Structures are given as C-alpha cells and as structure tokens.
Amino acid sequence: MKIAAVRCVEYTGTLDHPGAFWEERLIRPVDIYPQFRAEGPGFLPPTGSGSYRVTSVFVHIQTDEGVTGTAGPITREQAHVIETGFVPLLTGQDPLATEYLWDVMYRYAVHGRKGVEMMAISALDCALWDLKGRFFGVPVHVLLGGPTRATIPAYASALGYSLDPDKARERAAEIVGRGFTATKWFPRHGPTDGKAGIEANVALVAALRETVGPDVDIMVDAWMSWDVPYTLQMAERLAEYAPRWIEEPVMPDKPASYAEITRRMRPGILVSGAEHEYTRWGIHQLMAAGAMHLYQPDTYWAGGISEMLKIAALASAYDVQLIPHGHSVPANTHLSFALSPTLTPMIEYLIKWNTLHQWFLAHPVHPVDGVLTPPTQPGLGMDLDENRIESRQELTFA
C-alpha cells in the first residue's frame, strides 16, 4: 500500500446558534498595548437569524488501496505548508511507516521545528494514524495498547463565555448540571490592568466557587499574559477559592520564570502550561528545568500522536502529569485511553471550540455526564458528515 494523494479540502456548513456565539475572549500577551486590549471577541459570519457559517479545512491522505486517513480542522497556513512542502515527501510512501515519515518530515523542515510547519507535521501524523486504524479496522487507542480504563473525566473549558460574574454563575451552574466535576475559566485582566483588573479576576473566581461548591475543581488560564510577580500575587488572592491550577502564566520561552513560579507557588495550587511548546525536545527543556507540575502540549501542534507518545514517556520519567490541550478531542481521547490514569487523569473539553472543530464529524467525541468512553470507530473516527457539508473547495497553492 502506498500514499497516492494528499488533499486539503475546505468545507462550509451552517451552525444554528441563538445569540452571539463568542461572548468574550481570553487575555493575550499583545494586550499590553491598548489598541489590542480594546479588541472584542472572535467573529463568525452570520447566515441569518440564529445561524452562522462554519468553515473548516481537513487534510485527507489517500492510498492506492482505497484507504484514507483524515485530520483536522487545520488552518489555511498549515494547508499551504502541506501542499508546498510535504506532499512530495509523502507521495508514494508506505502510510503505515509513521515513525519513518515523521522523521523525514522533521528532518526536511529544519526551520520548522516549531510553529506552522510542526503543526502541519502534527496534522499529517494524526491523519496517518487515522489511516492506520482504518487499515487494521480498530480504534487508534487499541493500536496504542489501550484502553487502560472504562472512562476518563473531562473538564469543561469555558473559553468564549461571558466573564460577567452573574452570567458566569449561570454558565458554571449549567456546566455542573451536565456532570462535569472540573471547569476552567479565562480571566481577562493582567499586569497592565492595575488593581481594578486584579479585583475583576478575583470576583470571577469567587463567583465560580460560590456557584459550583467545594467539590468541583476550578482552573484559571492566563494564556501567557501574566508575569512572575503578578502570578504569585494572584495565587495569594485566589487561594481561598482553591483553584486546582494556574495555567500558562507567562510566555513559553521563559522556562526560568515558570520554574520560579512553580518553586514559589502557594501550596495546593499547581502550575501548568506547555500548550504552545513543540516536540519532545521543547517539552524536555521545560521538564528538566522543573518548570511546571503538569504539561498540556497540543496533539495537533506538538508533533501528532507519534510525538505525544514520546512526550508521555518523558512525563512518566519526570513524574509529572500530561493533559493534552483540548483543541483536538478525538485524537486526545484515543491517546489518553492508552496512557496510565495517573499520568493522564482527565481530558480537556473546550465547549465552544469543540462545537466548531467537530461540527463536520459524523462521530464527534463529546462527554456524557462529564466523562468520555473509549471510541469504537476505526482509526480516529474522522468520517465527515455529508449532511452538514454545504460546499467544498480543494485548496491549491500553485
């Protein structure tokens, strides 16, 4: 069996959703500048009253024996890199040779060890694993040696929901009502917002704790936008509300700052991050520095399933937890079910992002009563739902 074609296709459909889809956004490192801080949440093009246009790009790896592997959604930038850089490397090759193909792509893209090129490699690797599972007729977690358990709890990430305390209370109550036992929120304020920003962050977490009670975990994501003093100050102010962890407090290229925060963090609060780090080598540098308690690289960014297995081995050796970033729940679910419960105790589920990212999937992976069960579809379950596809466009970058 050989790879006959690699295609990137853009699909368009309609999502029914009353009201604004994106109510709020997260803080960003660039928000230290007023013109960026004033920008509002993301935008989906409306198609009419209560509906929005959804556009997603998927990559399909086709073989001469009729077996196809799919991954996505990916960005147009990734699609450009795939077509112009990696298609010639993959065409004619054995699609089951995932280690060989990953190493060839990595060595070829010597300037792409991080960023868009590594994200392209990650998507291609996930598509190859989807193909491999389809070829053998089993879910990928079976190929990886799983499942290690019957269920895995998911935690609900509330990115995109309003941060007004009253509305946050309403959303948090809904999340708990759906069976989730942990929820992550994204305070909007950072060091340049002064005392008023600190008070707003505290008010948000206080409202959440009041709503969910003492037995539901609350996590706080700073999305690389705080600094060492601010993070330690926020930890002191938030301690009475018992956050489980503070995530990505500083930029990813600051392992020494991470290590200082982790070393000085108030007992009982964990430090997490590495969502924006890539490959075993980048993650290893953080682990060797003692940068954080738990690591959250993204399967679709950090190197794909092949690379995440190596990162998982590192996490086990360093005795830290690995909870992959929740952009790619189908891939993360297969990976997590093949790992130890103590290594990967839960799965992140970004509520709004997974509404979009799994919109075109025929077999989306969504928690039921706050937990996920082992998927049963062959591969990664990446069949597309033809009933949701209104138009499609083959992407070419000649």
Protein backbone atom coordinates (compact mmCIF):
# COMPACT_ATOMS: atom_id res chain seq x y z
CA MET A 1 0.00 0.00 0.00
CA LYS A 2 1.30 3.42 -1.00
CA ILE A 3 0.19 7.00 -0.49
CA ALA A 4 -1.46 8.11 -3.73
CA ALA A 5 -2.54 11.65 -2.83
CA VAL A 6 -2.61 14.20 -0.03
CA ARG A 7 -5.51 16.65 -0.32
CA CYS A 8 -6.52 19.67 1.74
CA VAL A 9 -10.22 20.47 1.39
CA GLU A 10 -12.18 23.39 2.83
CA TYR A 11 -15.75 22.55 3.88
CA THR A 12 -18.55 25.02 4.62
CA GLY A 13 -21.79 24.50 6.53
CA THR A 14 -24.29 26.24 8.80
CA LEU A 15 -24.35 26.18 12.59
CA ASP A 16 -27.62 27.02 14.31
CA HIS A 17 -26.92 29.01 17.46
CA PRO A 18 -29.17 31.63 19.08
CA GLY A 19 -27.43 34.85 20.11
CA ALA A 20 -23.75 35.68 19.89
CA PHE A 21 -21.52 32.62 19.61
CA TRP A 22 -18.40 34.28 21.05
CA GLU A 23 -19.40 36.27 24.15
CA GLU A 24 -15.88 37.06 25.38
CA ARG A 25 -12.28 36.23 24.60
CA LEU A 26 -9.21 35.38 26.60
CA ILE A 27 -6.42 37.75 27.53
CA ARG A 28 -3.49 37.76 25.07
CA PRO A 29 0.18 38.72 25.50
CA VAL A 30 -0.29 41.53 22.97
CA ASP A 31 -2.99 43.07 25.17
CA ILE A 32 -0.33 45.08 26.99
CA TYR A 33 -0.93 47.55 24.14
CA PRO A 34 -4.23 49.48 24.39
CA GLN A 35 -5.27 49.11 20.75
CA PHE A 36 -5.17 45.33 21.08
CA ARG A 37 -6.66 45.25 24.57
CA ALA A 38 -9.73 47.05 23.18
CA GLU A 39 -10.44 44.35 20.60
CA GLY A 40 -13.56 42.27 21.18
CA PRO A 41 -14.19 38.53 20.95
CA GLY A 42 -13.93 36.45 17.81
CA PHE A 43 -16.34 36.63 14.94
CA LEU A 44 -18.34 34.08 12.97
CA PRO A 45 -20.06 35.25 9.77
CA PRO A 46 -23.86 35.13 10.26
CA THR A 47 -26.05 33.49 7.63
CA GLY A 48 -29.34 34.67 9.09
CA SER A 49 -31.22 34.89 12.35
CA GLY A 50 -29.65 32.47 14.83
CA SER A 51 -27.21 30.79 12.44
CA TYR A 52 -23.55 31.12 11.47
CA ARG A 53 -21.32 29.98 8.64
CA VAL A 54 -18.72 27.41 9.70
CA THR A 55 -15.66 26.81 7.52
CA SER A 56 -13.13 24.07 8.30
CA VAL A 57 -10.14 22.63 6.43
CA PHE A 58 -9.35 18.91 6.66
CA VAL A 59 -6.40 17.01 5.23
CA HIS A 60 -7.02 13.63 3.58
CA ILE A 61 -4.25 11.09 2.92
CA GLN A 62 -5.41 8.66 0.24
CA THR A 63 -3.81 5.34 -0.70
CA ASP A 64 -3.76 3.19 -3.81
CA GLU A 65 -5.77 0.55 -1.92
CA GLY A 66 -8.68 2.88 -1.17
CA VAL A 67 -7.89 3.51 2.50
CA THR A 68 -7.98 7.18 3.51
CA GLY A 69 -6.89 8.92 6.71
CA THR A 70 -8.25 12.31 7.75
CA ALA A 71 -7.19 15.01 10.21
CA GLY A 72 -8.43 18.47 11.08
CA PRO A 73 -9.59 21.10 11.25
CA ILE A 74 -6.35 22.79 10.26
CA THR A 75 -5.59 26.32 9.13
CA ARG A 76 -5.05 27.50 5.58
CA GLU A 77 -1.44 28.23 6.58
CA GLN A 78 -0.97 24.57 7.51
CA ALA A 79 -2.60 23.50 4.26
CA HIS A 80 -0.16 25.70 2.32
CA VAL A 81 2.82 24.11 4.09
CA ILE A 82 1.42 20.62 3.50
CA GLU A 83 0.92 21.11 -0.24
CA THR A 84 4.10 23.03 -0.98
CA GLY A 85 6.44 21.20 1.40
CA PHE A 86 5.27 17.76 2.48
CA VAL A 87 3.15 16.28 -0.31
CA PRO A 88 6.24 15.32 -2.38
CA LEU A 89 7.77 13.64 0.68
CA LEU A 90 4.69 11.52 1.38
CA THR A 91 3.50 10.57 -2.10
CA GLY A 92 4.45 7.00 -2.97
CA GLN A 93 5.46 6.12 0.59
CA ASP A 94 4.13 3.38 2.90
CA PRO A 95 1.49 5.11 5.06
CA LEU A 96 1.92 2.60 7.88
CA ALA A 97 5.55 3.68 8.38
CA THR A 98 4.57 6.51 10.73
CA GLU A 99 7.92 6.73 12.54
CA TYR A 100 9.84 6.93 9.28
CA LEU A 101 7.52 9.53 7.76
CA TRP A 102 7.57 11.70 10.90
CA ASP A 103 11.37 11.65 10.97
CA VAL A 104 11.62 12.50 7.27
CA MET A 105 9.26 15.46 7.63
CA TYR A 106 11.04 16.70 10.76
CA ARG A 107 14.48 16.49 9.19
CA TYR A 108 13.27 18.08 5.96
CA ALA A 109 11.66 21.07 7.73
CA VAL A 110 14.80 22.06 9.58
CA HIS A 111 13.48 25.60 10.10
CA GLY A 112 10.05 24.30 11.10
CA ARG A 113 10.80 22.74 14.44
CA LYS A 114 8.11 24.96 15.99
CA GLY A 115 5.11 26.84 14.67
CA VAL A 116 3.12 26.30 11.48
CA GLU A 117 5.38 23.66 9.92
CA MET A 118 5.36 21.50 13.05
CA MET A 119 1.58 21.97 13.25
CA ALA A 120 1.38 20.71 9.66
CA ILE A 121 3.51 17.68 10.55
CA SER A 122 1.24 17.07 13.54
CA ALA A 123 -1.90 17.03 11.41
CA LEU A 124 -0.32 14.73 8.84
CA ASP A 125 0.80 12.36 11.58
CA CYS A 126 -2.73 12.26 13.03
CA ALA A 127 -4.13 11.56 9.54
CA LEU A 128 -1.64 8.70 9.15
CA TRP A 129 -2.75 7.21 12.48
CA ASP A 130 -6.37 7.55 11.40
CA LEU A 131 -5.43 5.72 8.20
CA LYS A 132 -3.55 3.03 10.11
CA GLY A 133 -6.52 2.36 12.39
CA ARG A 134 -8.86 2.15 9.39
CA PHE A 135 -6.46 -0.25 7.64
CA PHE A 136 -6.45 -2.61 10.61
CA GLY A 137 -10.12 -2.00 11.41
CA VAL A 138 -9.59 -0.91 15.03
CA PRO A 139 -9.64 2.36 17.01
CA VAL A 140 -6.25 4.03 17.38
CA HIS A 141 -6.28 3.59 21.16
CA VAL A 142 -6.23 -0.18 20.53
CA LEU A 143 -3.16 0.20 18.31
CA LEU A 144 -1.53 2.17 21.14
CA GLY A 145 -2.18 -0.60 23.68
CA GLY A 146 -5.34 0.75 25.33
CA PRO A 147 -7.78 1.18 26.78
CA THR A 148 -6.41 1.50 30.30
CA ARG A 149 -9.81 2.29 31.86
CA ALA A 150 -13.52 2.38 31.17
CA THR A 151 -13.99 6.16 31.42
CA ILE A 152 -11.97 9.34 31.69
CA PRO A 153 -13.40 12.51 33.28
CA ALA A 154 -13.45 15.59 31.10
CA TYR A 155 -13.07 19.12 32.38
CA ALA A 156 -15.12 21.88 30.77
CA SER A 157 -13.14 24.85 29.45
CA ALA A 158 -15.40 27.89 29.25
CA LEU A 159 -13.44 29.89 26.67
CA GLY A 160 -15.78 32.25 24.86
CA TYR A 161 -18.36 32.60 27.62
CA SER A 162 -19.13 35.92 29.25
CA LEU A 163 -16.99 36.80 32.27
CA ASP A 164 -19.66 38.95 33.89
CA PRO A 165 -19.97 37.33 37.35
CA ASP A 166 -23.73 36.85 37.11
CA LYS A 167 -23.52 35.28 33.66
CA ALA A 168 -20.51 33.22 34.74
CA ARG A 169 -22.57 31.85 37.62
CA GLU A 170 -25.28 30.83 35.18
CA ARG A 171 -22.83 29.12 32.84
CA ALA A 172 -20.98 27.39 35.69
CA ALA A 173 -24.25 26.01 37.03
CA GLU A 174 -25.05 24.64 33.57
CA ILE A 175 -21.61 23.01 33.37
CA VAL A 176 -22.03 21.30 36.73
CA GLY A 177 -25.54 20.29 35.72
CA ARG A 178 -24.05 18.45 32.73
CA GLY A 179 -21.99 16.29 35.05
CA PHE A 180 -18.61 17.99 34.84
CA THR A 181 -16.58 17.93 38.05
CA ALA A 182 -14.00 20.48 36.88
CA THR A 183 -14.14 23.69 34.86
CA LYS A 184 -11.53 26.10 33.53
CA TRP A 185 -12.03 29.83 33.00
CA PHE A 186 -10.00 32.56 31.35
CA PRO A 187 -9.72 35.83 33.34
CA ARG A 188 -9.50 38.83 31.05
CA HIS A 189 -7.08 41.00 33.07
CA GLY A 190 -3.33 41.12 33.52
CA PRO A 191 -0.48 43.21 34.93
CA THR A 192 -1.29 46.34 32.88
CA ASP A 193 -4.87 46.46 34.18
CA GLY A 194 -3.94 47.56 37.69
CA LYS A 195 -5.83 46.91 40.91
CA ALA A 196 -9.20 47.03 39.19
CA GLY A 197 -8.14 44.15 36.93
CA ILE A 198 -7.00 42.11 39.90
CA GLU A 199 -10.32 42.66 41.64
CA ALA A 200 -12.22 41.66 38.49
CA ASN A 201 -10.24 38.42 38.23
CA VAL A 202 -10.87 37.65 41.89
CA ALA A 203 -14.57 38.44 41.56
CA LEU A 204 -14.86 35.99 38.67
CA VAL A 205 -13.25 33.11 40.55
CA ALA A 206 -15.21 33.94 43.72
CA ALA A 207 -18.47 33.79 41.75
CA LEU A 208 -17.47 30.45 40.24
CA ARG A 209 -16.58 28.92 43.60
CA GLU A 210 -19.79 30.18 45.16
CA THR A 211 -21.76 28.56 42.33
CA VAL A 212 -20.05 25.18 41.93
CA GLY A 213 -19.39 24.49 45.60
CA PRO A 214 -16.32 22.95 47.24
CA ASP A 215 -16.22 19.64 45.36
CA VAL A 216 -15.85 20.92 41.78
CA ASP A 217 -12.37 21.90 40.61
CA ILE A 218 -11.80 25.38 39.20
CA MET A 219 -8.81 26.11 36.98
CA VAL A 220 -7.53 29.51 35.82
CA ASP A 221 -5.87 30.09 32.43
CA ALA A 222 -3.76 33.23 31.98
CA TRP A 223 -2.81 32.40 28.37
CA MET A 224 0.84 33.54 28.64
CA SER A 225 -0.23 37.07 29.66
CA TRP A 226 0.90 37.44 33.27
CA ASP A 227 4.39 37.71 34.77
CA VAL A 228 6.10 36.26 37.84
CA PRO A 229 5.05 38.89 40.44
CA TYR A 230 1.50 39.13 39.12
CA THR A 231 1.05 35.35 39.09
CA LEU A 232 2.25 34.98 42.66
CA GLN A 233 0.04 37.87 43.75
CA MET A 234 -2.97 36.35 42.01
CA ALA A 235 -2.25 32.99 43.63
CA GLU A 236 -2.36 34.60 47.06
CA ARG A 237 -5.59 36.43 46.27
CA LEU A 238 -7.24 33.33 44.78
CA ALA A 239 -6.05 30.84 47.40
CA GLU A 240 -9.26 30.98 49.46
CA TYR A 241 -11.18 29.80 46.37
CA ALA A 242 -8.87 26.77 45.96
CA PRO A 243 -8.04 26.82 42.23
CA ARG A 244 -6.63 23.47 41.14
CA TRP A 245 -4.09 25.09 38.86
CA ILE A 246 -2.97 28.33 37.22
CA GLU A 247 -2.23 27.72 33.55
CA GLU A 248 0.27 29.36 31.20
CA PRO A 249 1.09 32.33 33.43
CA VAL A 250 4.00 33.53 31.24
CA MET A 251 5.27 33.26 27.67
CA PRO A 252 6.50 29.78 26.66
CA ASP A 253 10.09 30.90 26.05
CA LYS A 254 10.60 31.67 29.74
CA PRO A 255 11.35 28.35 31.47
CA ALA A 256 13.23 30.11 34.26
CA SER A 257 10.14 32.22 35.04
CA TYR A 258 7.98 29.11 35.04
CA ALA A 259 10.40 27.37 37.37
CA GLU A 260 10.43 30.34 39.74
CA ILE A 261 6.63 30.47 39.81
CA THR A 262 6.44 26.72 40.43
CA ARG A 263 9.03 26.91 43.17
CA ARG A 264 7.28 29.81 44.92
CA MET A 265 3.68 28.81 44.21
CA ARG A 266 1.38 28.68 47.19
CA PRO A 267 0.93 25.06 48.40
CA GLY A 268 -2.15 23.40 47.00
CA ILE A 269 -2.11 25.26 43.67
CA LEU A 270 -0.47 23.60 40.66
CA VAL A 271 1.28 25.32 37.75
CA SER A 272 0.51 24.08 34.25
CA GLY A 273 1.42 25.00 30.69
CA ALA A 274 3.31 23.97 27.53
CA GLU A 275 0.28 24.33 25.24
CA HIS A 276 2.47 26.48 22.98
CA GLU A 277 5.59 24.31 23.13
CA TYR A 278 6.53 21.74 20.49
CA THR A 279 8.08 18.25 20.28
CA ARG A 280 9.83 16.10 22.87
CA TRP A 281 12.85 18.41 22.79
CA GLY A 282 10.94 21.56 23.68
CA ILE A 283 8.95 19.80 26.39
CA HIS A 284 12.08 18.14 27.77
CA GLN A 285 13.74 21.51 28.30
CA LEU A 286 10.78 22.59 30.42
CA MET A 287 10.72 19.36 32.40
CA ALA A 288 14.45 19.45 33.03
CA ALA A 289 14.04 22.98 34.42
CA GLY A 290 11.25 21.88 36.77
CA ALA A 291 9.07 24.43 35.00
CA MET A 292 5.61 23.16 36.00
CA HIS A 293 3.60 20.44 37.65
CA LEU A 294 1.57 19.34 34.65
CA TYR A 295 2.07 19.67 30.91
CA GLN A 296 -0.51 20.42 28.22
CA PRO A 297 1.05 20.21 24.73
CA ASP A 298 -1.47 20.03 21.89
CA THR A 299 -1.56 16.80 19.89
CA TYR A 300 -2.28 18.73 16.68
CA TRP A 301 0.54 21.21 17.31
CA ALA A 302 3.34 19.50 19.24
CA GLY A 303 4.04 16.72 16.75
CA GLY A 304 0.99 14.49 16.44
CA ILE A 305 0.27 11.18 18.15
CA SER A 306 3.72 9.79 17.29
CA GLU A 307 5.43 12.63 19.14
CA MET A 308 2.95 12.77 22.00
CA LEU A 309 3.82 9.16 22.86
CA LYS A 310 7.42 10.25 23.35
CA ILE A 311 6.32 13.27 25.39
CA ALA A 312 4.20 10.94 27.52
CA ALA A 313 7.26 8.77 28.21
CA LEU A 314 9.17 11.87 29.31
CA ALA A 315 6.31 12.94 31.58
CA SER A 316 6.28 9.49 33.17
CA ALA A 317 10.04 9.62 33.73
CA TYR A 318 9.82 13.08 35.31
CA ASP A 319 6.75 12.04 37.35
CA VAL A 320 4.58 14.88 36.10
CA GLN A 321 1.12 14.79 34.58
CA LEU A 322 0.25 15.13 30.89
CA ILE A 323 -3.18 16.53 29.96
CA PRO A 324 -3.12 17.44 26.25
CA HIS A 325 -4.58 20.78 25.21
CA GLY A 326 -8.22 20.39 24.23
CA HIS A 327 -8.31 21.60 20.64
CA SER A 328 -8.21 18.06 19.27
CA VAL A 329 -10.52 15.97 21.47
CA PRO A 330 -10.86 12.92 19.16
CA ALA A 331 -7.09 12.44 18.94
CA ASN A 332 -6.61 13.28 22.63
CA THR A 333 -9.24 10.76 23.66
CA HIS A 334 -7.52 7.90 21.84
CA LEU A 335 -4.13 8.92 23.19
CA SER A 336 -5.37 9.36 26.76
CA PHE A 337 -7.12 5.98 26.86
CA ALA A 338 -3.78 4.37 26.03
CA LEU A 339 -1.98 6.11 28.92
CA SER A 340 -1.93 5.49 32.65
CA PRO A 341 -4.72 7.09 34.73
CA THR A 342 -2.09 8.66 36.99
CA LEU A 343 -0.24 10.14 34.01
CA THR A 344 -3.32 11.50 32.24
CA PRO A 345 -6.12 11.79 34.82
CA MET A 346 -8.51 13.88 32.70
CA ILE A 347 -9.21 15.28 29.24
CA GLU A 348 -9.77 18.94 28.40
CA TYR A 349 -13.02 19.73 26.61
CA LEU A 350 -13.24 23.26 25.20
CA ILE A 351 -17.01 23.61 24.95
CA LYS A 352 -17.34 26.24 22.23
CA TRP A 353 -14.25 25.25 20.27
CA ASN A 354 -15.43 21.65 20.06
CA THR A 355 -18.79 22.80 18.77
CA LEU A 356 -16.85 24.26 15.83
CA HIS A 357 -13.98 21.80 15.48
CA GLN A 358 -16.21 18.73 15.48
CA TRP A 359 -19.10 20.29 13.55
CA PHE A 360 -18.41 18.32 10.36
CA LEU A 361 -17.60 14.99 12.06
CA ALA A 362 -20.06 12.13 11.68
CA HIS A 363 -18.93 10.67 15.03
CA PRO A 364 -17.95 13.61 17.26
CA VAL A 365 -16.46 12.88 20.67
CA HIS A 366 -18.44 14.68 23.37
CA PRO A 367 -18.55 13.91 27.11
CA VAL A 368 -21.71 12.37 28.55
CA ASP A 369 -22.35 13.14 32.22
CA GLY A 370 -18.89 14.68 32.35
CA VAL A 371 -16.96 11.59 31.19
CA LEU A 372 -15.64 10.10 27.96
CA THR A 373 -15.66 6.43 27.00
CA PRO A 374 -13.32 4.62 24.57
CA PRO A 375 -14.28 5.43 20.97
CA THR A 376 -15.32 2.46 18.85
CA GLN A 377 -14.88 3.80 15.32
CA PRO A 378 -11.83 2.57 13.35
CA GLY A 379 -8.91 4.96 13.27
CA LEU A 380 -9.58 8.28 14.99
CA GLY A 381 -13.22 8.32 13.87
CA MET A 382 -12.68 11.15 11.41
CA ASP A 383 -15.51 10.40 8.95
CA LEU A 384 -17.22 13.60 7.80
CA ASP A 385 -20.98 14.08 7.94
CA GLU A 386 -22.07 14.73 4.37
CA ASN A 387 -25.38 16.13 5.60
CA ARG A 388 -23.55 19.07 7.17
CA ILE A 389 -21.40 19.90 4.17
CA GLU A 390 -23.00 22.57 2.00
CA SER A 391 -19.96 23.26 -0.16
CA ARG A 392 -16.35 22.18 -0.51
CA GLN A 393 -13.24 23.57 -2.15
CA GLU A 394 -9.99 21.82 -2.92
CA LEU A 395 -7.17 24.07 -1.72
CA THR A 396 -4.28 24.55 -4.12
CA PHE A 397 -1.34 26.88 -3.75
CA ALA A 398 0.34 26.79 -7.15
